[in-house]
Amino acid sequence: MVKMNKHGFIEELVKQTGYSKDKCIIINDSLEDNFLFGKNNKMKTINALMNNLSIDQDEAERIYEITMSIIKKAIKDKISHPFKGND
């Protein structure tokens, strides 16, 4: 189960993207500055990733999909096990 706090999210980004921790912190900051859900917000987030990381659109979309996958898994885990990890 992915522990969904900032540190756990960044660690999971490092694993799934292969980027350094510093780059993943920039990714996290870009995500925090933009609301993730919704078509217009998706493009704003992708544009922010492109600008902040100096990457092309394909790579920004790949990162966006990875981040959404991490978030969806964490939400699913929390719904399936609402009291796990609340010690």
PDB file of N, CA and C in Angstrom:
ATOM      1  N   MET A   1       0.845  -1.184   0.000  1.00  0.00           N
ATOM      2  CA  MET A   1       0.000   0.000   0.000  1.00  0.00           C
ATOM      3  C   MET A   1       0.888   1.243   0.000  1.00  0.00           C
ATOM      4  N   VAL A   2       0.590   2.173  -0.878  1.00  0.00           N
ATOM      5  CA  VAL A   2       1.321   3.429  -0.952  1.00  0.00           C
ATOM      6  C   VAL A   2       0.849   4.325   0.184  1.00  0.00           C
ATOM      7  N   LYS A   3       1.774   4.778   1.014  1.00  0.00           N
ATOM      8  CA  LYS A   3       1.402   5.716   2.057  1.00  0.00           C
ATOM      9  C   LYS A   3       1.300   7.089   1.417  1.00  0.00           C
ATOM     10  N   MET A   4       0.083   7.645   1.411  1.00  0.00           N
ATOM     11  CA  MET A   4      -0.155   8.874   0.664  1.00  0.00           C
ATOM     12  C   MET A   4       0.097  10.095   1.528  1.00  0.00           C
ATOM     13  N   ASN A   5       1.354  10.389   1.716  1.00  0.00           N
ATOM     14  CA  ASN A   5       1.751  11.684   2.224  1.00  0.00           C
ATOM     15  C   ASN A   5       2.776  12.212   1.239  1.00  0.00           C
ATOM     16  N   LYS A   6       3.231  13.401   1.423  1.00  0.00           N
ATOM     17  CA  LYS A   6       4.132  14.018   0.441  1.00  0.00           C
ATOM     18  C   LYS A   6       5.389  13.181   0.246  1.00  0.00           C
ATOM     19  N   HIS A   7       5.988  12.734   1.337  1.00  0.00           N
ATOM     20  CA  HIS A   7       7.215  11.949   1.265  1.00  0.00           C
ATOM     21  C   HIS A   7       6.982  10.621   0.530  1.00  0.00           C
ATOM     22  N   GLY A   8       5.902   9.925   0.886  1.00  0.00           N
ATOM     23  CA  GLY A   8       5.586   8.653   0.243  1.00  0.00           C
ATOM     24  C   GLY A   8       5.275   8.823  -1.235  1.00  0.00           C
ATOM     25  N   PHE A   9       4.583   9.898  -1.574  1.00  0.00           N
ATOM     26  CA  PHE A   9       4.244  10.178  -2.963  1.00  0.00           C
ATOM     27  C   PHE A   9       5.513  10.418  -3.775  1.00  0.00           C
ATOM     28  N   ILE A  10       6.427  11.201  -3.242  1.00  0.00           N
ATOM     29  CA  ILE A  10       7.677  11.497  -3.939  1.00  0.00           C
ATOM     30  C   ILE A  10       8.507  10.227  -4.100  1.00  0.00           C
ATOM     31  N   GLU A  11       8.565   9.395  -3.068  1.00  0.00           N
ATOM     32  CA  GLU A  11       9.296   8.123  -3.169  1.00  0.00           C
ATOM     33  C   GLU A  11       8.717   7.245  -4.275  1.00  0.00           C
ATOM     34  N   GLU A  12       7.398   7.195  -4.362  1.00  0.00           N
ATOM     35  CA  GLU A  12       6.750   6.391  -5.392  1.00  0.00           C
ATOM     36  C   GLU A  12       7.016   6.975  -6.783  1.00  0.00           C
ATOM     37  N   LEU A  13       7.044   8.292  -6.887  1.00  0.00           N
ATOM     38  CA  LEU A  13       7.391   8.940  -8.160  1.00  0.00           C
ATOM     39  C   LEU A  13       8.807   8.571  -8.592  1.00  0.00           C
ATOM     40  N   VAL A  14       9.742   8.573  -7.654  1.00  0.00           N
ATOM     41  CA  VAL A  14      11.123   8.195  -7.964  1.00  0.00           C
ATOM     42  C   VAL A  14      11.155   6.784  -8.537  1.00  0.00           C
ATOM     43  N   LYS A  15      10.447   5.860  -7.885  1.00  0.00           N
ATOM     44  CA  LYS A  15      10.410   4.468  -8.341  1.00  0.00           C
ATOM     45  C   LYS A  15       9.808   4.337  -9.734  1.00  0.00           C
ATOM     46  N   GLN A  16       8.688   5.003  -9.956  1.00  0.00           N
ATOM     47  CA  GLN A  16       7.957   4.795 -11.198  1.00  0.00           C
ATOM     48  C   GLN A  16       8.474   5.613 -12.380  1.00  0.00           C
ATOM     49  N   THR A  17       9.105   6.747 -12.110  1.00  0.00           N
ATOM     50  CA  THR A  17       9.592   7.572 -13.218  1.00  0.00           C
ATOM     51  C   THR A  17      11.074   7.355 -13.505  1.00  0.00           C
ATOM     52  N   GLY A  18      11.815   6.929 -12.482  1.00  0.00           N
ATOM     53  CA  GLY A  18      13.259   6.816 -12.639  1.00  0.00           C
ATOM     54  C   GLY A  18      13.971   8.149 -12.503  1.00  0.00           C
ATOM     55  N   TYR A  19      13.237   9.189 -12.140  1.00  0.00           N
ATOM     56  CA  TYR A  19      13.820  10.516 -11.952  1.00  0.00           C
ATOM     57  C   TYR A  19      14.448  10.624 -10.567  1.00  0.00           C
ATOM     58  N   SER A  20      15.303  11.610 -10.413  1.00  0.00           N
ATOM     59  CA  SER A  20      15.920  11.882  -9.117  1.00  0.00           C
ATOM     60  C   SER A  20      14.863  12.416  -8.152  1.00  0.00           C
ATOM     61  N   LYS A  21      15.207  12.375  -6.868  1.00  0.00           N
ATOM     62  CA  LYS A  21      14.298  12.909  -5.853  1.00  0.00           C
ATOM     63  C   LYS A  21      14.047  14.400  -6.084  1.00  0.00           C
ATOM     64  N   ASP A  22      15.090  15.130  -6.477  1.00  0.00           N
ATOM     65  CA  ASP A  22      14.942  16.573  -6.717  1.00  0.00           C
ATOM     66  C   ASP A  22      13.942  16.858  -7.837  1.00  0.00           C
ATOM     67  N   LYS A  23      14.025  16.081  -8.932  1.00  0.00           N
ATOM     68  CA  LYS A  23      13.074  16.272 -10.026  1.00  0.00           C
ATOM     69  C   LYS A  23      11.663  15.906  -9.581  1.00  0.00           C
ATOM     70  N   CYS A  24      11.542  14.871  -8.769  1.00  0.00           N
ATOM     71  CA  CYS A  24      10.219  14.451  -8.301  1.00  0.00           C
ATOM     72  C   CYS A  24       9.620  15.472  -7.340  1.00  0.00           C
ATOM     73  N   ILE A  25      10.449  16.180  -6.619  1.00  0.00           N
ATOM     74  CA  ILE A  25       9.953  17.275  -5.774  1.00  0.00           C
ATOM     75  C   ILE A  25       9.384  18.385  -6.657  1.00  0.00           C
ATOM     76  N   ILE A  26      10.058  18.668  -7.776  1.00  0.00           N
ATOM     77  CA  ILE A  26       9.546  19.669  -8.727  1.00  0.00           C
ATOM     78  C   ILE A  26       8.212  19.202  -9.308  1.00  0.00           C
ATOM     79  N   ILE A  27       8.119  17.914  -9.629  1.00  0.00           N
ATOM     80  CA  ILE A  27       6.863  17.362 -10.135  1.00  0.00           C
ATOM     81  C   ILE A  27       5.770  17.543  -9.095  1.00  0.00           C
ATOM     82  N   ASN A  28       6.056  17.183  -7.853  1.00  0.00           N
ATOM     83  CA  ASN A  28       5.068  17.318  -6.780  1.00  0.00           C
ATOM     84  C   ASN A  28       4.633  18.771  -6.615  1.00  0.00           C
ATOM     85  N   ASP A  29       5.584  19.688  -6.644  1.00  0.00           N
ATOM     86  CA  ASP A  29       5.250  21.107  -6.513  1.00  0.00           C
ATOM     87  C   ASP A  29       4.353  21.570  -7.663  1.00  0.00           C
ATOM     88  N   SER A  30       4.631  21.082  -8.872  1.00  0.00           N
ATOM     89  CA  SER A  30       3.807  21.430 -10.034  1.00  0.00           C
ATOM     90  C   SER A  30       2.384  20.911  -9.854  1.00  0.00           C
ATOM     91  N   LEU A  31       2.268  19.710  -9.306  1.00  0.00           N
ATOM     92  CA  LEU A  31       0.943  19.127  -9.080  1.00  0.00           C
ATOM     93  C   LEU A  31       0.184  19.881  -8.002  1.00  0.00           C
ATOM     94  N   GLU A  32       0.894  20.271  -6.948  1.00  0.00           N
ATOM     95  CA  GLU A  32       0.245  21.000  -5.861  1.00  0.00           C
ATOM     96  C   GLU A  32      -0.261  22.363  -6.316  1.00  0.00           C
ATOM     97  N   ASP A  33       0.378  22.935  -7.315  1.00  0.00           N
ATOM     98  CA  ASP A  33      -0.021  24.250  -7.826  1.00  0.00           C
ATOM     99  C   ASP A  33      -1.212  24.184  -8.778  1.00  0.00           C
ATOM    100  N   ASN A  34      -1.597  22.973  -9.183  1.00  0.00           N
ATOM    101  CA  ASN A  34      -2.690  22.797 -10.143  1.00  0.00           C
ATOM    102  C   ASN A  34      -3.658  21.737  -9.633  1.00  0.00           C
ATOM    103  N   PHE A  35      -4.939  21.978  -9.834  1.00  0.00           N
ATOM    104  CA  PHE A  35      -5.946  20.976  -9.509  1.00  0.00           C
ATOM    105  C   PHE A  35      -5.867  19.904 -10.582  1.00  0.00           C
ATOM    106  N   LEU A  36      -5.739  18.637 -10.182  1.00  0.00           N
ATOM    107  CA  LEU A  36      -5.439  17.571 -11.131  1.00  0.00           C
ATOM    108  C   LEU A  36      -6.607  17.118 -11.988  1.00  0.00           C
ATOM    109  N   PHE A  37      -7.804  17.177 -11.478  1.00  0.00           N
ATOM    110  CA  PHE A  37      -8.928  16.562 -12.166  1.00  0.00           C
ATOM    111  C   PHE A  37      -9.617  17.556 -13.097  1.00  0.00           C
ATOM    112  N   GLY A  38     -10.060  17.047 -14.230  1.00  0.00           N
ATOM    113  CA  GLY A  38     -10.726  17.872 -15.234  1.00  0.00           C
ATOM    114  C   GLY A  38      -9.832  18.068 -16.438  1.00  0.00           C
ATOM    115  N   LYS A  39     -10.430  18.089 -17.618  1.00  0.00           N
ATOM    116  CA  LYS A  39      -9.662  18.173 -18.865  1.00  0.00           C
ATOM    117  C   LYS A  39      -8.811  19.440 -18.946  1.00  0.00           C
ATOM    118  N   ASN A  40      -9.391  20.593 -18.641  1.00  0.00           N
ATOM    119  CA  ASN A  40      -8.620  21.842 -18.698  1.00  0.00           C
ATOM    120  C   ASN A  40      -7.486  21.839 -17.684  1.00  0.00           C
ATOM    121  N   ASN A  41      -7.753  21.301 -16.512  1.00  0.00           N
ATOM    122  CA  ASN A  41      -6.728  21.248 -15.477  1.00  0.00           C
ATOM    123  C   ASN A  41      -5.625  20.268 -15.845  1.00  0.00           C
ATOM    124  N   LYS A  42      -5.988  19.207 -16.549  1.00  0.00           N
ATOM    125  CA  LYS A  42      -4.981  18.246 -17.006  1.00  0.00           C
ATOM    126  C   LYS A  42      -3.967  18.962 -17.899  1.00  0.00           C
ATOM    127  N   MET A  43      -4.457  19.748 -18.846  1.00  0.00           N
ATOM    128  CA  MET A  43      -3.550  20.451 -19.760  1.00  0.00           C
ATOM    129  C   MET A  43      -2.728  21.514 -19.022  1.00  0.00           C
ATOM    130  N   LYS A  44      -3.322  22.179 -18.033  1.00  0.00           N
ATOM    131  CA  LYS A  44      -2.560  23.146 -17.243  1.00  0.00           C
ATOM    132  C   LYS A  44      -1.425  22.448 -16.502  1.00  0.00           C
ATOM    133  N   THR A  45      -1.730  21.281 -15.946  1.00  0.00           N
ATOM    134  CA  THR A  45      -0.721  20.523 -15.215  1.00  0.00           C
ATOM    135  C   THR A  45       0.371  20.045 -16.153  1.00  0.00           C
ATOM    136  N   ILE A  46      -0.017  19.532 -17.316  1.00  0.00           N
ATOM    137  CA  ILE A  46       0.966  19.070 -18.299  1.00  0.00           C
ATOM    138  C   ILE A  46       1.852  20.220 -18.750  1.00  0.00           C
ATOM    139  N   ASN A  47       1.256  21.376 -18.993  1.00  0.00           N
ATOM    140  CA  ASN A  47       2.045  22.557 -19.384  1.00  0.00           C
ATOM    141  C   ASN A  47       3.001  22.976 -18.269  1.00  0.00           C
ATOM    142  N   ALA A  48       2.542  22.915 -17.026  1.00  0.00           N
ATOM    143  CA  ALA A  48       3.407  23.259 -15.897  1.00  0.00           C
ATOM    144  C   ALA A  48       4.583  22.282 -15.816  1.00  0.00           C
ATOM    145  N   LEU A  49       4.307  20.996 -16.018  1.00  0.00           N
ATOM    146  CA  LEU A  49       5.389  20.003 -15.995  1.00  0.00           C
ATOM    147  C   LEU A  49       6.391  20.275 -17.116  1.00  0.00           C
ATOM    148  N   MET A  50       5.880  20.592 -18.304  1.00  0.00           N
ATOM    149  CA  MET A  50       6.761  20.891 -19.434  1.00  0.00           C
ATOM    150  C   MET A  50       7.657  22.090 -19.126  1.00  0.00           C
ATOM    151  N   ASN A  51       7.080  23.138 -18.569  1.00  0.00           N
ATOM    152  CA  ASN A  51       7.838  24.354 -18.256  1.00  0.00           C
ATOM    153  C   ASN A  51       8.819  24.148 -17.108  1.00  0.00           C
ATOM    154  N   ASN A  52       8.358  23.491 -16.041  1.00  0.00           N
ATOM    155  CA  ASN A  52       9.185  23.349 -14.838  1.00  0.00           C
ATOM    156  C   ASN A  52      10.312  22.338 -15.003  1.00  0.00           C
ATOM    157  N   LEU A  53      10.121  21.350 -15.885  1.00  0.00           N
ATOM    158  CA  LEU A  53      11.129  20.303 -16.060  1.00  0.00           C
ATOM    159  C   LEU A  53      11.858  20.389 -17.399  1.00  0.00           C
ATOM    160  N   SER A  54      11.425  21.316 -18.242  1.00  0.00           N
ATOM    161  CA  SER A  54      12.000  21.439 -19.593  1.00  0.00           C
ATOM    162  C   SER A  54      11.935  20.105 -20.343  1.00  0.00           C
ATOM    163  N   ILE A  55      10.721  19.554 -20.414  1.00  0.00           N
ATOM    164  CA  ILE A  55      10.497  18.285 -21.105  1.00  0.00           C
ATOM    165  C   ILE A  55       9.445  18.491 -22.183  1.00  0.00           C
ATOM    166  N   ASP A  56       9.325  17.508 -23.083  1.00  0.00           N
ATOM    167  CA  ASP A  56       8.329  17.621 -24.146  1.00  0.00           C
ATOM    168  C   ASP A  56       6.962  17.150 -23.646  1.00  0.00           C
ATOM    169  N   GLN A  57       5.954  17.344 -24.469  1.00  0.00           N
ATOM    170  CA  GLN A  57       4.581  17.036 -24.078  1.00  0.00           C
ATOM    171  C   GLN A  57       4.375  15.547 -23.817  1.00  0.00           C
ATOM    172  N   ASP A  58       4.994  14.693 -24.624  1.00  0.00           N
ATOM    173  CA  ASP A  58       4.834  13.251 -24.421  1.00  0.00           C
ATOM    174  C   ASP A  58       5.331  12.827 -23.046  1.00  0.00           C
ATOM    175  N   GLU A  59       6.483  13.346 -22.649  1.00  0.00           N
ATOM    176  CA  GLU A  59       7.036  12.994 -21.338  1.00  0.00           C
ATOM    177  C   GLU A  59       6.186  13.587 -20.221  1.00  0.00           C
ATOM    178  N   ALA A  60       5.690  14.793 -20.402  1.00  0.00           N
ATOM    179  CA  ALA A  60       4.829  15.413 -19.392  1.00  0.00           C
ATOM    180  C   ALA A  60       3.534  14.612 -19.233  1.00  0.00           C
ATOM    181  N   GLU A  61       2.980  14.132 -20.338  1.00  0.00           N
ATOM    182  CA  GLU A  61       1.765  13.309 -20.264  1.00  0.00           C
ATOM    183  C   GLU A  61       2.050  11.980 -19.576  1.00  0.00           C
ATOM    184  N   ARG A  62       3.221  11.399 -19.831  1.00  0.00           N
ATOM    185  CA  ARG A  62       3.600  10.147 -19.169  1.00  0.00           C
ATOM    186  C   ARG A  62       3.688  10.363 -17.655  1.00  0.00           C
ATOM    187  N   ILE A  63       4.316  11.441 -17.254  1.00  0.00           N
ATOM    188  CA  ILE A  63       4.427  11.755 -15.827  1.00  0.00           C
ATOM    189  C   ILE A  63       3.047  11.994 -15.229  1.00  0.00           C
ATOM    190  N   TYR A  64       2.205  12.723 -15.934  1.00  0.00           N
ATOM    191  CA  TYR A  64       0.847  12.985 -15.459  1.00  0.00           C
ATOM    192  C   TYR A  64       0.101  11.667 -15.226  1.00  0.00           C
ATOM    193  N   GLU A  65       0.195  10.750 -16.173  1.00  0.00           N
ATOM    194  CA  GLU A  65      -0.492   9.457 -16.041  1.00  0.00           C
ATOM    195  C   GLU A  65       0.062   8.654 -14.870  1.00  0.00           C
ATOM    196  N   ILE A  66       1.367   8.705 -14.663  1.00  0.00           N
ATOM    197  CA  ILE A  66       1.970   8.017 -13.513  1.00  0.00           C
ATOM    198  C   ILE A  66       1.442   8.612 -12.216  1.00  0.00           C
ATOM    199  N   THR A  67       1.395   9.940 -12.131  1.00  0.00           N
ATOM    200  CA  THR A  67       0.910  10.570 -10.897  1.00  0.00           C
ATOM    201  C   THR A  67      -0.550  10.226 -10.640  1.00  0.00           C
ATOM    202  N   MET A  68      -1.350  10.220 -11.683  1.00  0.00           N
ATOM    203  CA  MET A  68      -2.763   9.867 -11.509  1.00  0.00           C
ATOM    204  C   MET A  68      -2.902   8.420 -11.060  1.00  0.00           C
ATOM    205  N   SER A  69      -2.084   7.541 -11.580  1.00  0.00           N
ATOM    206  CA  SER A  69      -2.106   6.134 -11.189  1.00  0.00           C
ATOM    207  C   SER A  69      -1.760   5.969  -9.707  1.00  0.00           C
ATOM    208  N   ILE A  70      -0.748   6.695  -9.252  1.00  0.00           N
ATOM    209  CA  ILE A  70      -0.354   6.640  -7.838  1.00  0.00           C
ATOM    210  C   ILE A  70      -1.491   7.139  -6.954  1.00  0.00           C
ATOM    211  N   ILE A  71      -2.092   8.254  -7.334  1.00  0.00           N
ATOM    212  CA  ILE A  71      -3.178   8.831  -6.543  1.00  0.00           C
ATOM    213  C   ILE A  71      -4.388   7.911  -6.525  1.00  0.00           C
ATOM    214  N   LYS A  72      -4.763   7.377  -7.682  1.00  0.00           N
ATOM    215  CA  LYS A  72      -5.919   6.470  -7.747  1.00  0.00           C
ATOM    216  C   LYS A  72      -5.694   5.229  -6.907  1.00  0.00           C
ATOM    217  N   LYS A  73      -4.479   4.675  -6.935  1.00  0.00           N
ATOM    218  CA  LYS A  73      -4.185   3.487  -6.134  1.00  0.00           C
ATOM    219  C   LYS A  73      -4.282   3.809  -4.651  1.00  0.00           C
ATOM    220  N   ALA A  74      -3.760   4.962  -4.251  1.00  0.00           N
ATOM    221  CA  ALA A  74      -3.816   5.351  -2.845  1.00  0.00           C
ATOM    222  C   ALA A  74      -5.265   5.547  -2.385  1.00  0.00           C
ATOM    223  N   ILE A  75      -6.092   6.145  -3.243  1.00  0.00           N
ATOM    224  CA  ILE A  75      -7.508   6.332  -2.899  1.00  0.00           C
ATOM    225  C   ILE A  75      -8.202   4.984  -2.795  1.00  0.00           C
ATOM    226  N   LYS A  76      -7.944   4.114  -3.749  1.00  0.00           N
ATOM    227  CA  LYS A  76      -8.549   2.774  -3.727  1.00  0.00           C
ATOM    228  C   LYS A  76      -8.135   2.011  -2.474  1.00  0.00           C
ATOM    229  N   ASP A  77      -6.846   2.074  -2.125  1.00  0.00           N
ATOM    230  CA  ASP A  77      -6.367   1.403  -0.915  1.00  0.00           C
ATOM    231  C   ASP A  77      -7.031   1.966   0.331  1.00  0.00           C
ATOM    232  N   LYS A  78      -7.194   3.269   0.375  1.00  0.00           N
ATOM    233  CA  LYS A  78      -7.815   3.906   1.548  1.00  0.00           C
ATOM    234  C   LYS A  78      -9.288   3.520   1.670  1.00  0.00           C
ATOM    235  N   ILE A  79      -9.969   3.411   0.547  1.00  0.00           N
ATOM    236  CA  ILE A  79     -11.376   2.999   0.563  1.00  0.00           C
ATOM    237  C   ILE A  79     -11.492   1.538   0.969  1.00  0.00           C
ATOM    238  N   SER A  80     -10.590   0.706   0.464  1.00  0.00           N
ATOM    239  CA  SER A  80     -10.632  -0.729   0.773  1.00  0.00           C
ATOM    240  C   SER A  80     -10.238  -1.022   2.210  1.00  0.00           C
ATOM    241  N   HIS A  81      -9.323  -0.210   2.750  1.00  0.00           N
ATOM    242  CA  HIS A  81      -8.811  -0.421   4.113  1.00  0.00           C
ATOM    243  C   HIS A  81      -8.797   0.920   4.857  1.00  0.00           C
ATOM    244  N   PRO A  82      -9.977   1.439   5.220  1.00  0.00           N
ATOM    245  CA  PRO A  82     -10.040   2.806   5.764  1.00  0.00           C
ATOM    246  C   PRO A  82      -9.295   3.015   7.078  1.00  0.00           C
ATOM    247  N   PHE A  83      -9.067   1.959   7.854  1.00  0.00           N
ATOM    248  CA  PHE A  83      -8.424   2.156   9.149  1.00  0.00           C
ATOM    249  C   PHE A  83      -7.006   1.630   9.183  1.00  0.00           C
ATOM    250  N   LYS A  84      -6.523   1.080   8.078  1.00  0.00           N
ATOM    251  CA  LYS A  84      -5.158   0.566   8.024  1.00  0.00           C
ATOM    252  C   LYS A  84      -4.182   1.732   8.039  1.00  0.00           C
ATOM    253  N   GLY A  85      -3.192   1.644   8.907  1.00  0.00           N
ATOM    254  CA  GLY A  85      -2.170   2.683   8.976  1.00  0.00           C
ATOM    255  C   GLY A  85      -2.566   3.908   9.773  1.00  0.00           C
ATOM    256  N   ASN A  86      -3.683   3.846  10.480  1.00  0.00           N
ATOM    257  CA  ASN A  86      -4.118   4.995  11.287  1.00  0.00           C
ATOM    258  C   ASN A  86      -3.736   4.832  12.755  1.00  0.00           C
ATOM    259  N   ASP A  87      -2.668   4.102  13.016  1.00  0.00           N
ATOM    260  CA  ASP A  87      -2.248   3.869  14.410  1.00  0.00           C
ATOM    261  C   ASP A  87      -1.549   5.057  14.980  1.00  0.00           C
TER     262      ASP A  87
END
